[in-house]
PDB file of N, CA and C in Angstrom:
ATOM      1  N   MET A   1      92.841  60.949  84.121  1.00  0.00           N
ATOM      2  CA  MET A   1      91.880  61.945  83.670  1.00  0.00           C
ATOM      3  C   MET A   1      92.517  63.323  83.605  1.00  0.00           C
ATOM      4  N   SER A   2      93.375  63.644  84.517  1.00  0.00           N
ATOM      5  CA  SER A   2      94.016  64.948  84.545  1.00  0.00           C
ATOM      6  C   SER A   2      94.873  65.176  83.305  1.00  0.00           C
ATOM      7  N   LYS A   3      95.566  64.126  82.849  1.00  0.00           N
ATOM      8  CA  LYS A   3      96.399  64.258  81.653  1.00  0.00           C
ATOM      9  C   LYS A   3      95.536  64.486  80.419  1.00  0.00           C
ATOM     10  N   GLU A   4      94.395  63.816  80.365  1.00  0.00           N
ATOM     11  CA  GLU A   4      93.486  63.992  79.233  1.00  0.00           C
ATOM     12  C   GLU A   4      92.940  65.420  79.217  1.00  0.00           C
ATOM     13  N   PHE A   5      92.573  65.914  80.365  1.00  0.00           N
ATOM     14  CA  PHE A   5      92.079  67.293  80.471  1.00  0.00           C
ATOM     15  C   PHE A   5      93.164  68.285  80.058  1.00  0.00           C
ATOM     16  N   ASP A   6      94.379  68.091  80.551  1.00  0.00           N
ATOM     17  CA  ASP A   6      95.494  68.964  80.191  1.00  0.00           C
ATOM     18  C   ASP A   6      95.728  68.960  78.686  1.00  0.00           C
ATOM     19  N   LYS A   7      95.614  67.787  78.073  1.00  0.00           N
ATOM     20  CA  LYS A   7      95.805  67.683  76.616  1.00  0.00           C
ATOM     21  C   LYS A   7      94.715  68.463  75.880  1.00  0.00           C
ATOM     22  N   ARG A   8      93.468  68.340  76.350  1.00  0.00           N
ATOM     23  CA  ARG A   8      92.372  69.069  75.716  1.00  0.00           C
ATOM     24  C   ARG A   8      92.575  70.578  75.825  1.00  0.00           C
ATOM     25  N   VAL A   9      92.994  71.020  77.003  1.00  0.00           N
ATOM     26  CA  VAL A   9      93.232  72.444  77.208  1.00  0.00           C
ATOM     27  C   VAL A   9      94.366  72.925  76.308  1.00  0.00           C
ATOM     28  N   ASP A  10      95.437  72.162  76.264  1.00  0.00           N
ATOM     29  CA  ASP A  10      96.569  72.519  75.401  1.00  0.00           C
ATOM     30  C   ASP A  10      96.154  72.581  73.939  1.00  0.00           C
ATOM     31  N   ASP A  11      95.382  71.587  73.480  1.00  0.00           N
ATOM     32  CA  ASP A  11      94.905  71.575  72.093  1.00  0.00           C
ATOM     33  C   ASP A  11      94.012  72.772  71.803  1.00  0.00           C
ATOM     34  N   PHE A  12      93.158  73.101  72.757  1.00  0.00           N
ATOM     35  CA  PHE A  12      92.251  74.236  72.565  1.00  0.00           C
ATOM     36  C   PHE A  12      93.035  75.535  72.368  1.00  0.00           C
ATOM     37  N   PHE A  13      93.962  75.805  73.268  1.00  0.00           N
ATOM     38  CA  PHE A  13      94.692  77.064  73.192  1.00  0.00           C
ATOM     39  C   PHE A  13      95.712  77.098  72.063  1.00  0.00           C
ATOM     40  N   ARG A  14      96.115  75.951  71.584  1.00  0.00           N
ATOM     41  CA  ARG A  14      97.030  75.901  70.451  1.00  0.00           C
ATOM     42  C   ARG A  14      96.315  76.360  69.173  1.00  0.00           C
ATOM     43  N   THR A  15      95.025  76.045  69.051  1.00  0.00           N
ATOM     44  CA  THR A  15      94.286  76.378  67.826  1.00  0.00           C
ATOM     45  C   THR A  15      93.355  77.585  68.000  1.00  0.00           C
ATOM     46  N   TYR A  16      93.230  78.096  69.226  1.00  0.00           N
ATOM     47  CA  TYR A  16      92.304  79.202  69.504  1.00  0.00           C
ATOM     48  C   TYR A  16      92.806  80.502  68.902  1.00  0.00           C
ATOM     49  N   GLN A  17      91.919  81.223  68.221  1.00  0.00           N
ATOM     50  CA  GLN A  17      92.263  82.535  67.677  1.00  0.00           C
ATOM     51  C   GLN A  17      91.331  83.561  68.294  1.00  0.00           C
ATOM     52  N   ASP A  18      91.892  84.430  69.086  1.00  0.00           N
ATOM     53  CA  ASP A  18      91.119  85.472  69.758  1.00  0.00           C
ATOM     54  C   ASP A  18      90.693  86.516  68.733  1.00  0.00           C
ATOM     55  N   ARG A  19      89.450  86.965  68.833  1.00  0.00           N
ATOM     56  CA  ARG A  19      88.945  87.988  67.917  1.00  0.00           C
ATOM     57  C   ARG A  19      89.302  89.393  68.390  1.00  0.00           C
ATOM     58  N   GLY A  20      89.993  89.490  69.494  1.00  0.00           N
ATOM     59  CA  GLY A  20      90.422  90.791  69.987  1.00  0.00           C
ATOM     60  C   GLY A  20      89.241  91.655  70.383  1.00  0.00           C
ATOM     61  N   MET A  21      89.292  92.912  70.054  1.00  0.00           N
ATOM     62  CA  MET A  21      88.261  93.867  70.451  1.00  0.00           C
ATOM     63  C   MET A  21      86.943  93.642  69.713  1.00  0.00           C
ATOM     64  N   LYS A  22      86.953  92.922  68.630  1.00  0.00           N
ATOM     65  CA  LYS A  22      85.720  92.695  67.878  1.00  0.00           C
ATOM     66  C   LYS A  22      84.635  92.076  68.739  1.00  0.00           C
ATOM     67  N   LYS A  23      85.010  91.177  69.632  1.00  0.00           N
ATOM     68  CA  LYS A  23      84.005  90.497  70.447  1.00  0.00           C
ATOM     69  C   LYS A  23      83.393  91.433  71.481  1.00  0.00           C
ATOM     70  N   TRP A  24      84.080  92.513  71.840  1.00  0.00           N
ATOM     71  CA  TRP A  24      83.574  93.460  72.827  1.00  0.00           C
ATOM     72  C   TRP A  24      82.898  94.653  72.175  1.00  0.00           C
ATOM     73  N   GLN A  25      83.075  94.824  70.890  1.00  0.00           N
ATOM     74  CA  GLN A  25      82.603  96.021  70.205  1.00  0.00           C
ATOM     75  C   GLN A  25      81.108  96.248  70.372  1.00  0.00           C
ATOM     76  N   GLY A  26      80.299  95.233  70.219  1.00  0.00           N
ATOM     77  CA  GLY A  26      78.852  95.384  70.370  1.00  0.00           C
ATOM     78  C   GLY A  26      78.465  95.781  71.775  1.00  0.00           C
ATOM     79  N   PHE A  27      79.107  95.185  72.748  1.00  0.00           N
ATOM     80  CA  PHE A  27      78.820  95.509  74.143  1.00  0.00           C
ATOM     81  C   PHE A  27      79.194  96.953  74.444  1.00  0.00           C
ATOM     82  N   MET A  28      80.375  97.351  74.038  1.00  0.00           N
ATOM     83  CA  MET A  28      80.836  98.706  74.319  1.00  0.00           C
ATOM     84  C   MET A  28      80.004  99.725  73.550  1.00  0.00           C
ATOM     85  N   LEU A  29      79.637  99.397  72.342  1.00  0.00           N
ATOM     86  CA  LEU A  29      78.856 100.316  71.534  1.00  0.00           C
ATOM     87  C   LEU A  29      77.494 100.570  72.172  1.00  0.00           C
ATOM     88  N   SER A  30      76.834  99.537  72.659  1.00  0.00           N
ATOM     89  CA  SER A  30      75.516  99.728  73.255  1.00  0.00           C
ATOM     90  C   SER A  30      75.613 100.534  74.549  1.00  0.00           C
ATOM     91  N   ASP A  31      76.647 100.280  75.341  1.00  0.00           N
ATOM     92  CA  ASP A  31      76.842 101.063  76.565  1.00  0.00           C
ATOM     93  C   ASP A  31      77.137 102.518  76.234  1.00  0.00           C
ATOM     94  N   PHE A  32      77.970 102.728  75.242  1.00  0.00           N
ATOM     95  CA  PHE A  32      78.330 104.094  74.866  1.00  0.00           C
ATOM     96  C   PHE A  32      77.121 104.859  74.346  1.00  0.00           C
ATOM     97  N   THR A  33      76.331 104.230  73.472  1.00  0.00           N
ATOM     98  CA  THR A  33      75.188 104.944  72.899  1.00  0.00           C
ATOM     99  C   THR A  33      74.122 105.230  73.950  1.00  0.00           C
ATOM    100  N   SER A  34      73.914 104.318  74.889  1.00  0.00           N
ATOM    101  CA  SER A  34      72.917 104.597  75.925  1.00  0.00           C
ATOM    102  C   SER A  34      73.381 105.742  76.822  1.00  0.00           C
ATOM    103  N   LYS A  35      74.663 105.785  77.145  1.00  0.00           N
ATOM    104  CA  LYS A  35      75.205 106.876  77.954  1.00  0.00           C
ATOM    105  C   LYS A  35      75.164 108.190  77.168  1.00  0.00           C
ATOM    106  N   ALA A  36      75.492 108.143  75.884  1.00  0.00           N
ATOM    107  CA  ALA A  36      75.463 109.341  75.045  1.00  0.00           C
ATOM    108  C   ALA A  36      74.036 109.874  74.914  1.00  0.00           C
ATOM    109  N   ASP A  37      73.060 108.981  74.787  1.00  0.00           N
ATOM    110  CA  ASP A  37      71.664 109.411  74.718  1.00  0.00           C
ATOM    111  C   ASP A  37      71.240 110.095  76.010  1.00  0.00           C
ATOM    112  N   LYS A  38      71.666 109.545  77.132  1.00  0.00           N
ATOM    113  CA  LYS A  38      71.339 110.134  78.432  1.00  0.00           C
ATOM    114  C   LYS A  38      71.947 111.535  78.554  1.00  0.00           C
ATOM    115  N   ILE A  39      73.185 111.678  78.124  1.00  0.00           N
ATOM    116  CA  ILE A  39      73.851 112.987  78.172  1.00  0.00           C
ATOM    117  C   ILE A  39      73.143 113.977  77.251  1.00  0.00           C
ATOM    118  N   ASP A  40      72.774 113.520  76.059  1.00  0.00           N
ATOM    119  CA  ASP A  40      72.064 114.399  75.118  1.00  0.00           C
ATOM    120  C   ASP A  40      70.739 114.891  75.694  1.00  0.00           C
ATOM    121  N   LYS A  41      70.010 114.013  76.369  1.00  0.00           N
ATOM    122  CA  LYS A  41      68.735 114.411  76.976  1.00  0.00           C
ATOM    123  C   LYS A  41      68.953 115.444  78.071  1.00  0.00           C
ATOM    124  N   GLU A  42      70.008 115.250  78.866  1.00  0.00           N
ATOM    125  CA  GLU A  42      70.321 116.221  79.920  1.00  0.00           C
ATOM    126  C   GLU A  42      70.671 117.584  79.320  1.00  0.00           C
ATOM    127  N   ARG A  43      71.433 117.581  78.254  1.00  0.00           N
ATOM    128  CA  ARG A  43      71.839 118.833  77.611  1.00  0.00           C
ATOM    129  C   ARG A  43      70.672 119.520  76.911  1.00  0.00           C
ATOM    130  N   ALA A  44      69.674 118.753  76.508  1.00  0.00           N
ATOM    131  CA  ALA A  44      68.535 119.310  75.777  1.00  0.00           C
ATOM    132  C   ALA A  44      67.520 119.985  76.698  1.00  0.00           C
ATOM    133  N   LYS A  45      67.643 119.769  78.004  1.00  0.00           N
ATOM    134  CA  LYS A  45      66.706 120.384  78.935  1.00  0.00           C
ATOM    135  C   LYS A  45      66.849 121.902  78.894  1.00  0.00           C
ATOM    136  N   VAL A  46      65.712 122.561  78.929  1.00  0.00           N
ATOM    137  CA  VAL A  46      65.708 124.022  78.926  1.00  0.00           C
ATOM    138  C   VAL A  46      65.201 124.473  80.286  1.00  0.00           C
ATOM    139  N   TYR A  47      66.013 125.252  80.949  1.00  0.00           N
ATOM    140  CA  TYR A  47      65.644 125.783  82.255  1.00  0.00           C
ATOM    141  C   TYR A  47      65.269 127.257  82.077  1.00  0.00           C
ATOM    142  N   GLU A  48      64.073 127.577  82.503  1.00  0.00           N
ATOM    143  CA  GLU A  48      63.619 128.956  82.385  1.00  0.00           C
ATOM    144  C   GLU A  48      63.817 129.669  83.714  1.00  0.00           C
ATOM    145  N   LYS A  49      64.232 130.897  83.602  1.00  0.00           N
ATOM    146  CA  LYS A  49      64.425 131.699  84.794  1.00  0.00           C
ATOM    147  C   LYS A  49      63.084 132.092  85.352  1.00  0.00           C
ATOM    148  N   ARG A  50      62.903 131.906  86.630  1.00  0.00           N
ATOM    149  CA  ARG A  50      61.644 132.260  87.268  1.00  0.00           C
ATOM    150  C   ARG A  50      61.594 133.765  87.528  1.00  0.00           C
ATOM    151  N   SER A  51      60.433 134.318  87.293  1.00  0.00           N
ATOM    152  CA  SER A  51      60.287 135.739  87.619  1.00  0.00           C
ATOM    153  C   SER A  51      59.783 135.845  89.044  1.00  0.00           C
ATOM    154  N   ARG A  52      60.217 136.897  89.736  1.00  0.00           N
ATOM    155  CA  ARG A  52      59.833 137.048  91.146  1.00  0.00           C
ATOM    156  C   ARG A  52      58.664 137.955  91.310  1.00  0.00           C
TER     157      ARG A  52
END
């Protein structure tokens, strides 16, 4: 059984084509946009000086 498994693994990696960063792009994009939105909201806050 071990030899059969090794053969399957070897066959898989022989024909496997990694998509590189494309597979992570959606994940990174959603994280980046949510963080950017949070930063934009923080920057949009208006603080008024209190009068004494």
